[in-house]
Amino acid sequence: MQSKLTDIELITKIMAGDQSAYADLVKRHQRFVFTLALRFTKNREDAEEVAQDCFIKAYRSLHSFKKESKFSTWLYTIVYTTAMTSLRKKRLDTASIDDEGTHIQLAQVSSGYEVNNAENRSRSFYLNQAIEQLSGDDAAIITLFYKGEQSIEEIAQTLNIETNSVKVRLFRARQRLKEKLERNLKHEVKELI
C-alpha cells in the first residue's frame, strides 16, 4: 500500500524510523537512477555501482533534503555528482587498450547487439544506440528531459547550472542526437540495400 504514497510521505515515514519505506522509495526510482548512471558510465557494472552508491548517499543525507524541490531532482543531483566522481577516478585508473580484459568486454558488448535481430530494428534500439554515442553530458541532459520528464528548471537544479544554459545544452544535444541518428540510420539503410 505504501507505493501509493508520495515521495514526501515516504520520506516522512523514513525519518520516523520506517526502514521499509526506504525500500519503496528505492524501488520507485531505481530504474531511472540506473539508466542515468549508465548514460554517464557507459558500462553496466559501473552503473550498478554508481546507482548503489547513490542510494546509500541519499539515505545518509535524507535529513538534508529540504522538500523545496521534487525528491527526484535532489536524487538525480546525487546521481550526477556520484557518476562524475566515478568517471574522474576511472580516468586516473586507465588501462591499456591491449589489455585482455578490454578485448573480452568489447566482445561481450558486440555480441549483445547481435542477440535479438528484431530488437535491433526497433526505434527504441536506434534511439538508445544514438544516445550512447553522445558525450556523458549530452546523454544526461537528453535522458533527464525525455526519460526523466524533468523540466528545464529541474535539470538546471540537478546539474547546478542556469536555466538558459540548460536550454542551450538541450538544443545542442538534440542536434548531436539527430546527427547520430541520421548517420546510424543511413548506415542501416545501406546495409539493407
N, C-alpha and C. Protein backbone atom coordinates (compact mmCIF):
# COMPACT_ATOMS: atom_id res chain seq x y z
N MET A 1 0.82 -1.20 0.00
CA MET A 1 0.00 0.00 0.00
C MET A 1 0.86 1.26 0.00
N GLN A 2 2.09 1.14 0.50
CA GLN A 2 2.94 2.32 0.59
C GLN A 2 3.32 2.87 -0.77
N SER A 3 3.22 2.05 -1.81
CA SER A 3 3.61 2.52 -3.14
C SER A 3 2.70 3.64 -3.62
N LYS A 4 1.53 3.79 -3.01
CA LYS A 4 0.60 4.86 -3.37
C LYS A 4 0.97 6.18 -2.70
N LEU A 5 1.86 6.11 -1.74
CA LEU A 5 2.29 7.32 -1.04
C LEU A 5 3.20 8.15 -1.93
N THR A 6 3.20 9.44 -1.72
CA THR A 6 4.11 10.31 -2.46
C THR A 6 5.51 10.15 -1.91
N ASP A 7 6.48 10.68 -2.65
CA ASP A 7 7.87 10.63 -2.18
C ASP A 7 8.01 11.32 -0.83
N ILE A 8 7.36 12.46 -0.67
CA ILE A 8 7.45 13.23 0.58
C ILE A 8 6.87 12.43 1.74
N GLU A 9 5.73 11.75 1.51
CA GLU A 9 5.13 10.93 2.56
C GLU A 9 6.06 9.76 2.94
N LEU A 10 6.69 9.16 1.95
CA LEU A 10 7.63 8.08 2.23
C LEU A 10 8.82 8.60 3.03
N ILE A 11 9.32 9.76 2.65
CA ILE A 11 10.46 10.35 3.36
C ILE A 11 10.09 10.65 4.81
N THR A 12 8.89 11.13 5.03
CA THR A 12 8.42 11.40 6.39
C THR A 12 8.42 10.12 7.21
N LYS A 13 7.97 9.01 6.60
CA LYS A 13 7.97 7.71 7.29
C LYS A 13 9.40 7.24 7.57
N ILE A 14 10.28 7.45 6.60
CA ILE A 14 11.68 7.04 6.78
C ILE A 14 12.29 7.81 7.94
N MET A 15 12.06 9.10 7.97
CA MET A 15 12.62 9.94 9.03
C MET A 15 12.05 9.56 10.40
N ALA A 16 10.85 8.95 10.40
CA ALA A 16 10.24 8.49 11.65
C ALA A 16 10.73 7.10 12.04
N GLY A 17 11.61 6.50 11.19
CA GLY A 17 12.21 5.22 11.53
C GLY A 17 11.70 4.03 10.75
N ASP A 18 10.83 4.22 9.78
CA ASP A 18 10.28 3.12 8.99
C ASP A 18 11.24 2.79 7.85
N GLN A 19 12.08 1.75 8.06
CA GLN A 19 13.09 1.38 7.06
C GLN A 19 12.47 0.82 5.79
N SER A 20 11.32 0.16 5.89
CA SER A 20 10.69 -0.42 4.70
C SER A 20 10.23 0.67 3.73
N ALA A 21 9.97 1.85 4.23
CA ALA A 21 9.56 2.96 3.36
C ALA A 21 10.71 3.34 2.42
N TYR A 22 11.96 3.18 2.89
CA TYR A 22 13.08 3.49 2.02
C TYR A 22 13.18 2.48 0.88
N ALA A 23 12.88 1.23 1.18
CA ALA A 23 12.86 0.21 0.12
C ALA A 23 11.84 0.58 -0.96
N ASP A 24 10.69 1.10 -0.55
CA ASP A 24 9.68 1.54 -1.51
C ASP A 24 10.18 2.71 -2.34
N LEU A 25 10.88 3.63 -1.69
CA LEU A 25 11.43 4.79 -2.38
C LEU A 25 12.49 4.36 -3.40
N VAL A 26 13.33 3.41 -3.02
CA VAL A 26 14.36 2.90 -3.92
C VAL A 26 13.70 2.21 -5.12
N LYS A 27 12.72 1.36 -4.86
CA LYS A 27 12.03 0.66 -5.95
C LYS A 27 11.43 1.65 -6.95
N ARG A 28 10.89 2.72 -6.44
CA ARG A 28 10.26 3.73 -7.29
C ARG A 28 11.26 4.41 -8.21
N HIS A 29 12.49 4.60 -7.76
CA HIS A 29 13.45 5.41 -8.53
C HIS A 29 14.64 4.61 -9.09
N GLN A 30 14.77 3.34 -8.75
CA GLN A 30 15.98 2.60 -9.10
C GLN A 30 16.18 2.45 -10.60
N ARG A 31 15.13 2.28 -11.34
CA ARG A 31 15.27 2.08 -12.78
C ARG A 31 15.86 3.31 -13.47
N PHE A 32 15.31 4.47 -13.13
CA PHE A 32 15.81 5.67 -13.78
C PHE A 32 17.19 6.06 -13.27
N VAL A 33 17.46 5.84 -12.00
CA VAL A 33 18.79 6.12 -11.46
C VAL A 33 19.82 5.27 -12.20
N PHE A 34 19.50 4.00 -12.40
CA PHE A 34 20.41 3.12 -13.13
C PHE A 34 20.59 3.60 -14.57
N THR A 35 19.48 3.96 -15.23
CA THR A 35 19.55 4.44 -16.62
C THR A 35 20.43 5.67 -16.73
N LEU A 36 20.25 6.59 -15.82
CA LEU A 36 21.06 7.81 -15.84
C LEU A 36 22.53 7.50 -15.56
N ALA A 37 22.79 6.63 -14.60
CA ALA A 37 24.17 6.24 -14.30
C ALA A 37 24.81 5.55 -15.50
N LEU A 38 24.04 4.74 -16.20
CA LEU A 38 24.55 4.04 -17.37
C LEU A 38 24.87 5.03 -18.49
N ARG A 39 24.10 6.08 -18.62
CA ARG A 39 24.38 7.10 -19.64
C ARG A 39 25.73 7.75 -19.40
N PHE A 40 26.10 7.90 -18.14
CA PHE A 40 27.40 8.51 -17.83
C PHE A 40 28.53 7.51 -17.95
N THR A 41 28.37 6.35 -17.34
CA THR A 41 29.47 5.41 -17.24
C THR A 41 29.65 4.56 -18.49
N LYS A 42 28.55 4.34 -19.22
CA LYS A 42 28.55 3.53 -20.44
C LYS A 42 29.02 2.10 -20.18
N ASN A 43 28.83 1.65 -18.95
CA ASN A 43 29.26 0.32 -18.54
C ASN A 43 28.29 -0.16 -17.46
N ARG A 44 27.69 -1.33 -17.68
CA ARG A 44 26.66 -1.85 -16.77
C ARG A 44 27.17 -2.01 -15.34
N GLU A 45 28.33 -2.59 -15.18
CA GLU A 45 28.87 -2.83 -13.83
C GLU A 45 29.12 -1.51 -13.09
N ASP A 46 29.73 -0.56 -13.79
CA ASP A 46 29.99 0.74 -13.18
C ASP A 46 28.67 1.45 -12.85
N ALA A 47 27.69 1.33 -13.73
CA ALA A 47 26.39 1.97 -13.50
C ALA A 47 25.71 1.38 -12.27
N GLU A 48 25.80 0.06 -12.12
CA GLU A 48 25.22 -0.58 -10.94
C GLU A 48 25.89 -0.09 -9.66
N GLU A 49 27.20 0.05 -9.73
CA GLU A 49 27.96 0.54 -8.57
C GLU A 49 27.58 2.00 -8.26
N VAL A 50 27.50 2.82 -9.28
CA VAL A 50 27.12 4.23 -9.08
C VAL A 50 25.71 4.31 -8.50
N ALA A 51 24.78 3.53 -9.04
CA ALA A 51 23.40 3.56 -8.56
C ALA A 51 23.33 3.15 -7.09
N GLN A 52 24.06 2.10 -6.74
CA GLN A 52 24.07 1.66 -5.35
C GLN A 52 24.66 2.74 -4.44
N ASP A 53 25.77 3.33 -4.86
CA ASP A 53 26.37 4.41 -4.08
C ASP A 53 25.40 5.57 -3.90
N CYS A 54 24.66 5.87 -4.95
CA CYS A 54 23.71 6.99 -4.89
C CYS A 54 22.63 6.76 -3.84
N PHE A 55 22.09 5.55 -3.81
CA PHE A 55 21.04 5.27 -2.84
C PHE A 55 21.57 5.25 -1.40
N ILE A 56 22.81 4.83 -1.24
CA ILE A 56 23.42 4.88 0.09
C ILE A 56 23.63 6.34 0.50
N LYS A 57 24.18 7.15 -0.42
CA LYS A 57 24.39 8.57 -0.12
C LYS A 57 23.07 9.27 0.15
N ALA A 58 22.04 8.95 -0.64
CA ALA A 58 20.73 9.58 -0.45
C ALA A 58 20.17 9.23 0.92
N TYR A 59 20.31 7.98 1.31
CA TYR A 59 19.79 7.57 2.63
C TYR A 59 20.51 8.32 3.75
N ARG A 60 21.82 8.38 3.63
CA ARG A 60 22.61 9.05 4.68
C ARG A 60 22.35 10.55 4.73
N SER A 61 21.96 11.13 3.60
CA SER A 61 21.75 12.58 3.52
C SER A 61 20.29 12.98 3.50
N LEU A 62 19.41 12.03 3.73
CA LEU A 62 17.98 12.30 3.62
C LEU A 62 17.53 13.45 4.53
N HIS A 63 18.19 13.59 5.68
CA HIS A 63 17.85 14.67 6.60
C HIS A 63 18.12 16.05 5.98
N SER A 64 18.99 16.11 4.97
CA SER A 64 19.31 17.40 4.34
C SER A 64 18.37 17.74 3.19
N PHE A 65 17.49 16.80 2.81
CA PHE A 65 16.51 17.08 1.75
C PHE A 65 15.49 18.07 2.30
N LYS A 66 15.40 19.23 1.67
CA LYS A 66 14.60 20.33 2.19
C LYS A 66 13.14 20.32 1.72
N LYS A 67 12.79 19.42 0.84
CA LYS A 67 11.42 19.29 0.34
C LYS A 67 10.94 20.53 -0.41
N GLU A 68 11.88 21.37 -0.86
CA GLU A 68 11.53 22.55 -1.65
C GLU A 68 11.42 22.20 -3.13
N SER A 69 12.10 21.13 -3.53
CA SER A 69 12.01 20.64 -4.90
C SER A 69 11.54 19.20 -4.85
N LYS A 70 11.38 18.60 -6.01
CA LYS A 70 10.98 17.20 -6.05
C LYS A 70 12.14 16.34 -5.54
N PHE A 71 11.79 15.25 -4.91
CA PHE A 71 12.81 14.31 -4.43
C PHE A 71 13.65 13.81 -5.59
N SER A 72 13.00 13.55 -6.73
CA SER A 72 13.73 13.01 -7.88
C SER A 72 14.82 13.98 -8.34
N THR A 73 14.55 15.26 -8.31
CA THR A 73 15.55 16.25 -8.70
C THR A 73 16.74 16.19 -7.75
N TRP A 74 16.47 16.11 -6.48
CA TRP A 74 17.53 16.00 -5.46
C TRP A 74 18.32 14.72 -5.67
N LEU A 75 17.62 13.62 -5.91
CA LEU A 75 18.28 12.32 -6.11
C LEU A 75 19.12 12.32 -7.37
N TYR A 76 18.62 12.89 -8.45
CA TYR A 76 19.36 12.90 -9.71
C TYR A 76 20.60 13.77 -9.61
N THR A 77 20.56 14.76 -8.73
CA THR A 77 21.76 15.56 -8.48
C THR A 77 22.84 14.68 -7.85
N ILE A 78 22.43 13.81 -6.94
CA ILE A 78 23.36 12.87 -6.32
C ILE A 78 23.93 11.92 -7.38
N VAL A 79 23.05 11.45 -8.28
CA VAL A 79 23.50 10.55 -9.35
C VAL A 79 24.55 11.25 -10.21
N TYR A 80 24.27 12.47 -10.59
CA TYR A 80 25.18 13.23 -11.45
C TYR A 80 26.54 13.39 -10.78
N THR A 81 26.56 13.84 -9.53
CA THR A 81 27.85 14.08 -8.87
C THR A 81 28.59 12.76 -8.60
N THR A 82 27.85 11.72 -8.24
CA THR A 82 28.48 10.42 -7.99
C THR A 82 29.08 9.86 -9.28
N ALA A 83 28.34 9.96 -10.37
CA ALA A 83 28.83 9.46 -11.66
C ALA A 83 30.05 10.24 -12.12
N MET A 84 30.03 11.55 -11.95
CA MET A 84 31.17 12.37 -12.36
C MET A 84 32.41 12.01 -11.53
N THR A 85 32.22 11.81 -10.24
CA THR A 85 33.34 11.41 -9.38
C THR A 85 33.88 10.06 -9.81
N SER A 86 32.99 9.14 -10.11
CA SER A 86 33.40 7.80 -10.56
C SER A 86 34.19 7.88 -11.86
N LEU A 87 33.71 8.70 -12.79
CA LEU A 87 34.41 8.86 -14.07
C LEU A 87 35.79 9.47 -13.89
N ARG A 88 35.91 10.44 -12.99
CA ARG A 88 37.22 11.04 -12.73
C ARG A 88 38.19 10.00 -12.18
N LYS A 89 37.70 9.16 -11.27
CA LYS A 89 38.54 8.10 -10.71
C LYS A 89 38.94 7.11 -11.79
N LYS A 90 38.02 6.78 -12.69
CA LYS A 90 38.30 5.83 -13.77
C LYS A 90 39.37 6.38 -14.70
N ARG A 91 39.31 7.68 -14.97
CA ARG A 91 40.31 8.29 -15.86
C ARG A 91 41.71 8.18 -15.26
N LEU A 92 41.78 8.25 -13.94
CA LEU A 92 43.07 8.11 -13.28
C LEU A 92 43.57 6.68 -13.34
N ASP A 93 42.64 5.72 -13.40
CA ASP A 93 42.99 4.30 -13.43
C ASP A 93 42.86 3.74 -14.84
N THR A 94 43.34 4.46 -15.84
CA THR A 94 43.20 4.00 -17.21
C THR A 94 44.04 2.77 -17.46
N ALA A 95 43.49 1.86 -18.27
CA ALA A 95 44.18 0.62 -18.62
C ALA A 95 44.59 0.68 -20.08
N SER A 96 45.51 -0.17 -20.43
CA SER A 96 45.98 -0.26 -21.80
C SER A 96 44.88 -0.79 -22.70
N ILE A 97 44.81 -0.32 -23.93
CA ILE A 97 43.82 -0.79 -24.89
C ILE A 97 44.12 -2.23 -25.30
N ASP A 98 45.34 -2.66 -25.10
CA ASP A 98 45.73 -4.03 -25.43
C ASP A 98 45.43 -5.01 -24.30
N ASP A 99 44.87 -4.52 -23.22
CA ASP A 99 44.53 -5.36 -22.08
C ASP A 99 43.55 -6.45 -22.51
N GLU A 100 43.80 -7.68 -22.11
CA GLU A 100 42.96 -8.81 -22.50
C GLU A 100 41.52 -8.63 -22.01
N GLY A 101 41.34 -8.06 -20.82
CA GLY A 101 40.00 -7.81 -20.28
C GLY A 101 39.21 -6.85 -21.16
N THR A 102 39.89 -5.89 -21.76
CA THR A 102 39.23 -4.95 -22.65
C THR A 102 38.68 -5.67 -23.87
N HIS A 103 39.47 -6.57 -24.43
CA HIS A 103 39.01 -7.33 -25.60
C HIS A 103 37.81 -8.20 -25.26
N ILE A 104 37.83 -8.83 -24.10
CA ILE A 104 36.71 -9.66 -23.67
C ILE A 104 35.46 -8.81 -23.50
N GLN A 105 35.63 -7.65 -22.85
CA GLN A 105 34.49 -6.76 -22.63
C GLN A 105 33.92 -6.27 -23.97
N LEU A 106 34.79 -5.90 -24.90
CA LEU A 106 34.32 -5.45 -26.21
C LEU A 106 33.60 -6.58 -26.95
N ALA A 107 34.08 -7.79 -26.84
CA ALA A 107 33.43 -8.92 -27.48
C ALA A 107 32.05 -9.15 -26.89
N GLN A 108 31.91 -9.00 -25.57
CA GLN A 108 30.61 -9.17 -24.93
C GLN A 108 29.64 -8.09 -25.37
N VAL A 109 30.12 -6.85 -25.49
CA VAL A 109 29.25 -5.76 -25.93
C VAL A 109 28.79 -5.99 -27.35
N SER A 110 29.70 -6.34 -28.26
CA SER A 110 29.31 -6.51 -29.66
C SER A 110 28.40 -7.72 -29.82
N SER A 111 28.61 -8.79 -29.05
CA SER A 111 27.72 -9.95 -29.17
C SER A 111 26.35 -9.64 -28.62
N GLY A 112 26.28 -8.72 -27.66
CA GLY A 112 24.98 -8.33 -27.10
C GLY A 112 24.10 -7.66 -28.13
N TYR A 113 24.70 -6.95 -29.08
CA TYR A 113 23.92 -6.27 -30.11
C TYR A 113 23.35 -7.26 -31.13
N GLU A 114 23.97 -8.43 -31.23
CA GLU A 114 23.53 -9.41 -32.22
C GLU A 114 22.53 -10.41 -31.66
N VAL A 115 22.23 -10.33 -30.38
CA VAL A 115 21.37 -11.32 -29.72
C VAL A 115 19.97 -11.37 -30.32
N ASN A 116 19.34 -10.24 -30.48
CA ASN A 116 17.96 -10.23 -30.94
C ASN A 116 17.83 -9.29 -32.13
N ASN A 117 17.80 -9.85 -33.31
CA ASN A 117 17.78 -9.05 -34.53
C ASN A 117 16.53 -8.19 -34.63
N ALA A 118 15.40 -8.69 -34.16
CA ALA A 118 14.16 -7.92 -34.22
C ALA A 118 14.26 -6.67 -33.35
N GLU A 119 14.87 -6.80 -32.18
CA GLU A 119 15.03 -5.66 -31.29
C GLU A 119 15.96 -4.63 -31.91
N ASN A 120 16.98 -5.11 -32.62
CA ASN A 120 17.94 -4.21 -33.26
C ASN A 120 17.28 -3.30 -34.28
N ARG A 121 16.15 -3.68 -34.80
CA ARG A 121 15.47 -2.90 -35.83
C ARG A 121 14.44 -1.93 -35.25
N SER A 122 14.25 -1.93 -33.98
CA SER A 122 13.22 -1.08 -33.39
C SER A 122 13.71 0.36 -33.23
N ARG A 123 12.77 1.27 -33.15
CA ARG A 123 13.10 2.69 -32.94
C ARG A 123 13.85 2.88 -31.63
N SER A 124 13.38 2.19 -30.62
CA SER A 124 13.99 2.30 -29.30
C SER A 124 15.46 1.92 -29.34
N PHE A 125 15.77 0.87 -30.06
CA PHE A 125 17.16 0.43 -30.16
C PHE A 125 18.02 1.53 -30.78
N TYR A 126 17.57 2.09 -31.90
CA TYR A 126 18.37 3.11 -32.59
C TYR A 126 18.49 4.38 -31.77
N LEU A 127 17.43 4.72 -31.08
CA LEU A 127 17.48 5.91 -30.24
C LEU A 127 18.48 5.71 -29.10
N ASN A 128 18.40 4.58 -28.42
CA ASN A 128 19.34 4.31 -27.33
C ASN A 128 20.77 4.20 -27.84
N GLN A 129 20.93 3.61 -28.99
CA GLN A 129 22.27 3.49 -29.59
C GLN A 129 22.85 4.88 -29.85
N ALA A 130 22.03 5.76 -30.39
CA ALA A 130 22.49 7.13 -30.67
C ALA A 130 22.80 7.88 -29.38
N ILE A 131 21.97 7.69 -28.36
CA ILE A 131 22.22 8.36 -27.08
C ILE A 131 23.52 7.87 -26.48
N GLU A 132 23.81 6.57 -26.61
CA GLU A 132 25.05 6.03 -26.07
C GLU A 132 26.28 6.61 -26.77
N GLN A 133 26.12 7.08 -27.99
CA GLN A 133 27.24 7.65 -28.73
C GLN A 133 27.50 9.11 -28.36
N LEU A 134 26.56 9.70 -27.64
CA LEU A 134 26.72 11.10 -27.21
C LEU A 134 27.71 11.18 -26.05
N SER A 135 28.20 12.37 -25.80
CA SER A 135 29.04 12.58 -24.62
C SER A 135 28.18 12.37 -23.38
N GLY A 136 28.81 12.18 -22.24
CA GLY A 136 28.07 11.97 -21.00
C GLY A 136 27.12 13.10 -20.67
N ASP A 137 27.57 14.34 -20.87
CA ASP A 137 26.72 15.50 -20.57
C ASP A 137 25.51 15.56 -21.50
N ASP A 138 25.73 15.32 -22.79
CA ASP A 138 24.62 15.34 -23.75
C ASP A 138 23.62 14.22 -23.45
N ALA A 139 24.15 13.03 -23.19
CA ALA A 139 23.28 11.89 -22.90
C ALA A 139 22.47 12.14 -21.62
N ALA A 140 23.10 12.74 -20.63
CA ALA A 140 22.41 13.00 -19.37
C ALA A 140 21.28 14.00 -19.55
N ILE A 141 21.54 15.07 -20.28
CA ILE A 141 20.50 16.10 -20.42
C ILE A 141 19.33 15.58 -21.26
N ILE A 142 19.61 14.78 -22.27
CA ILE A 142 18.55 14.15 -23.07
C ILE A 142 17.75 13.19 -22.20
N THR A 143 18.45 12.38 -21.41
CA THR A 143 17.79 11.40 -20.55
C THR A 143 16.95 12.09 -19.48
N LEU A 144 17.48 13.11 -18.84
CA LEU A 144 16.72 13.83 -17.82
C LEU A 144 15.46 14.46 -18.41
N PHE A 145 15.58 15.06 -19.58
CA PHE A 145 14.46 15.78 -20.16
C PHE A 145 13.39 14.83 -20.70
N TYR A 146 13.80 13.83 -21.47
CA TYR A 146 12.82 12.98 -22.14
C TYR A 146 12.41 11.76 -21.32
N LYS A 147 13.37 11.07 -20.76
CA LYS A 147 13.01 9.87 -19.99
C LYS A 147 12.67 10.19 -18.55
N GLY A 148 13.37 11.15 -17.97
CA GLY A 148 13.10 11.56 -16.60
C GLY A 148 11.97 12.56 -16.50
N GLU A 149 11.57 13.10 -17.64
CA GLU A 149 10.49 14.08 -17.74
C GLU A 149 10.69 15.24 -16.77
N GLN A 150 11.93 15.67 -16.65
CA GLN A 150 12.21 16.81 -15.79
C GLN A 150 12.09 18.10 -16.60
N SER A 151 11.68 19.14 -15.93
CA SER A 151 11.56 20.44 -16.58
C SER A 151 12.95 21.06 -16.74
N ILE A 152 13.02 22.11 -17.52
CA ILE A 152 14.28 22.84 -17.70
C ILE A 152 14.81 23.32 -16.35
N GLU A 153 13.91 23.82 -15.51
CA GLU A 153 14.29 24.33 -14.20
C GLU A 153 14.83 23.21 -13.31
N GLU A 154 14.20 22.04 -13.35
CA GLU A 154 14.66 20.91 -12.54
C GLU A 154 16.02 20.41 -13.01
N ILE A 155 16.21 20.39 -14.32
CA ILE A 155 17.52 19.98 -14.85
C ILE A 155 18.59 20.98 -14.43
N ALA A 156 18.26 22.26 -14.47
CA ALA A 156 19.21 23.30 -14.04
C ALA A 156 19.61 23.08 -12.59
N GLN A 157 18.64 22.75 -11.77
CA GLN A 157 18.93 22.50 -10.36
C GLN A 157 19.77 21.23 -10.20
N THR A 158 19.44 20.18 -10.95
CA THR A 158 20.17 18.92 -10.87
C THR A 158 21.63 19.10 -11.28
N LEU A 159 21.85 19.80 -12.38
CA LEU A 159 23.20 19.98 -12.91
C LEU A 159 23.91 21.20 -12.33
N ASN A 160 23.18 21.97 -11.53
CA ASN A 160 23.72 23.17 -10.89
C ASN A 160 24.22 24.18 -11.93
N ILE A 161 23.37 24.44 -12.92
CA ILE A 161 23.67 25.44 -13.95
C ILE A 161 22.43 26.31 -14.16
N GLU A 162 22.59 27.38 -14.91
CA GLU A 162 21.49 28.29 -15.19
C GLU A 162 20.49 27.66 -16.17
N THR A 163 19.23 28.10 -16.09
CA THR A 163 18.20 27.55 -16.97
C THR A 163 18.51 27.83 -18.44
N ASN A 164 19.06 29.01 -18.72
CA ASN A 164 19.42 29.32 -20.12
C ASN A 164 20.51 28.39 -20.63
N SER A 165 21.42 28.01 -19.76
CA SER A 165 22.46 27.05 -20.15
C SER A 165 21.86 25.69 -20.45
N VAL A 166 20.84 25.31 -19.68
CA VAL A 166 20.16 24.03 -19.93
C VAL A 166 19.50 24.07 -21.30
N LYS A 167 18.83 25.18 -21.61
CA LYS A 167 18.16 25.31 -22.91
C LYS A 167 19.17 25.18 -24.05
N VAL A 168 20.30 25.84 -23.92
CA VAL A 168 21.32 25.79 -24.96
C VAL A 168 21.90 24.38 -25.07
N ARG A 169 22.23 23.78 -23.92
CA ARG A 169 22.79 22.43 -23.93
C ARG A 169 21.80 21.41 -24.50
N LEU A 170 20.52 21.58 -24.14
CA LEU A 170 19.50 20.66 -24.64
C LEU A 170 19.34 20.81 -26.15
N PHE A 171 19.35 22.04 -26.63
CA PHE A 171 19.25 22.28 -28.07
C PHE A 171 20.43 21.63 -28.79
N ARG A 172 21.63 21.85 -28.28
CA ARG A 172 22.83 21.29 -28.92
C ARG A 172 22.84 19.76 -28.83
N ALA A 173 22.40 19.23 -27.69
CA ALA A 173 22.35 17.77 -27.52
C ALA A 173 21.36 17.15 -28.50
N ARG A 174 20.22 17.83 -28.71
CA ARG A 174 19.24 17.35 -29.69
C ARG A 174 19.84 17.33 -31.09
N GLN A 175 20.58 18.38 -31.41
CA GLN A 175 21.22 18.46 -32.73
C GLN A 175 22.21 17.31 -32.92
N ARG A 176 23.03 17.07 -31.90
CA ARG A 176 24.01 15.99 -31.99
C ARG A 176 23.33 14.63 -32.04
N LEU A 177 22.22 14.49 -31.31
CA LEU A 177 21.45 13.24 -31.34
C LEU A 177 20.87 13.02 -32.73
N LYS A 178 20.36 14.07 -33.32
CA LYS A 178 19.80 13.98 -34.67
C LYS A 178 20.88 13.54 -35.65
N GLU A 179 22.07 14.13 -35.53
CA GLU A 179 23.18 13.76 -36.42
C GLU A 179 23.56 12.29 -36.25
N LYS A 180 23.61 11.84 -35.01
CA LYS A 180 23.95 10.43 -34.74
C LYS A 180 22.89 9.51 -35.34
N LEU A 181 21.62 9.86 -35.14
CA LEU A 181 20.53 9.04 -35.68
C LEU A 181 20.60 8.98 -37.21
N GLU A 182 20.81 10.14 -37.82
CA GLU A 182 20.89 10.17 -39.28
C GLU A 182 22.05 9.32 -39.79
N ARG A 183 23.19 9.43 -39.12
CA ARG A 183 24.36 8.67 -39.53
C ARG A 183 24.11 7.16 -39.33
N ASN A 184 23.57 6.79 -38.18
CA ASN A 184 23.33 5.37 -37.89
C ASN A 184 22.28 4.78 -38.84
N LEU A 185 21.22 5.52 -39.07
CA LEU A 185 20.15 5.01 -39.92
C LEU A 185 20.57 4.98 -41.38
N LYS A 186 21.39 5.94 -41.80
CA LYS A 186 21.90 5.94 -43.15
C LYS A 186 22.73 4.68 -43.40
N HIS A 187 23.53 4.33 -42.40
CA HIS A 187 24.36 3.13 -42.47
C HIS A 187 23.47 1.89 -42.53
N GLU A 188 22.40 1.87 -41.76
CA GLU A 188 21.48 0.74 -41.76
C GLU A 188 20.76 0.59 -43.11
N VAL A 189 20.39 1.71 -43.68
CA VAL A 189 19.72 1.67 -44.99
C VAL A 189 20.66 1.10 -46.05
N LYS A 190 21.92 1.49 -45.99
CA LYS A 190 22.92 0.97 -46.94
C LYS A 190 23.08 -0.54 -46.77
N GLU A 191 23.03 -1.02 -45.52
CA GLU A 191 23.15 -2.47 -45.29
C GLU A 191 21.96 -3.23 -45.87
N LEU A 192 20.78 -2.62 -45.83
CA LEU A 192 19.58 -3.28 -46.31
C LEU A 192 19.51 -3.32 -47.85
N ILE A 193 20.17 -2.37 -48.49
CA ILE A 193 20.09 -2.28 -49.97
C ILE A 193 21.09 -3.15 -50.62
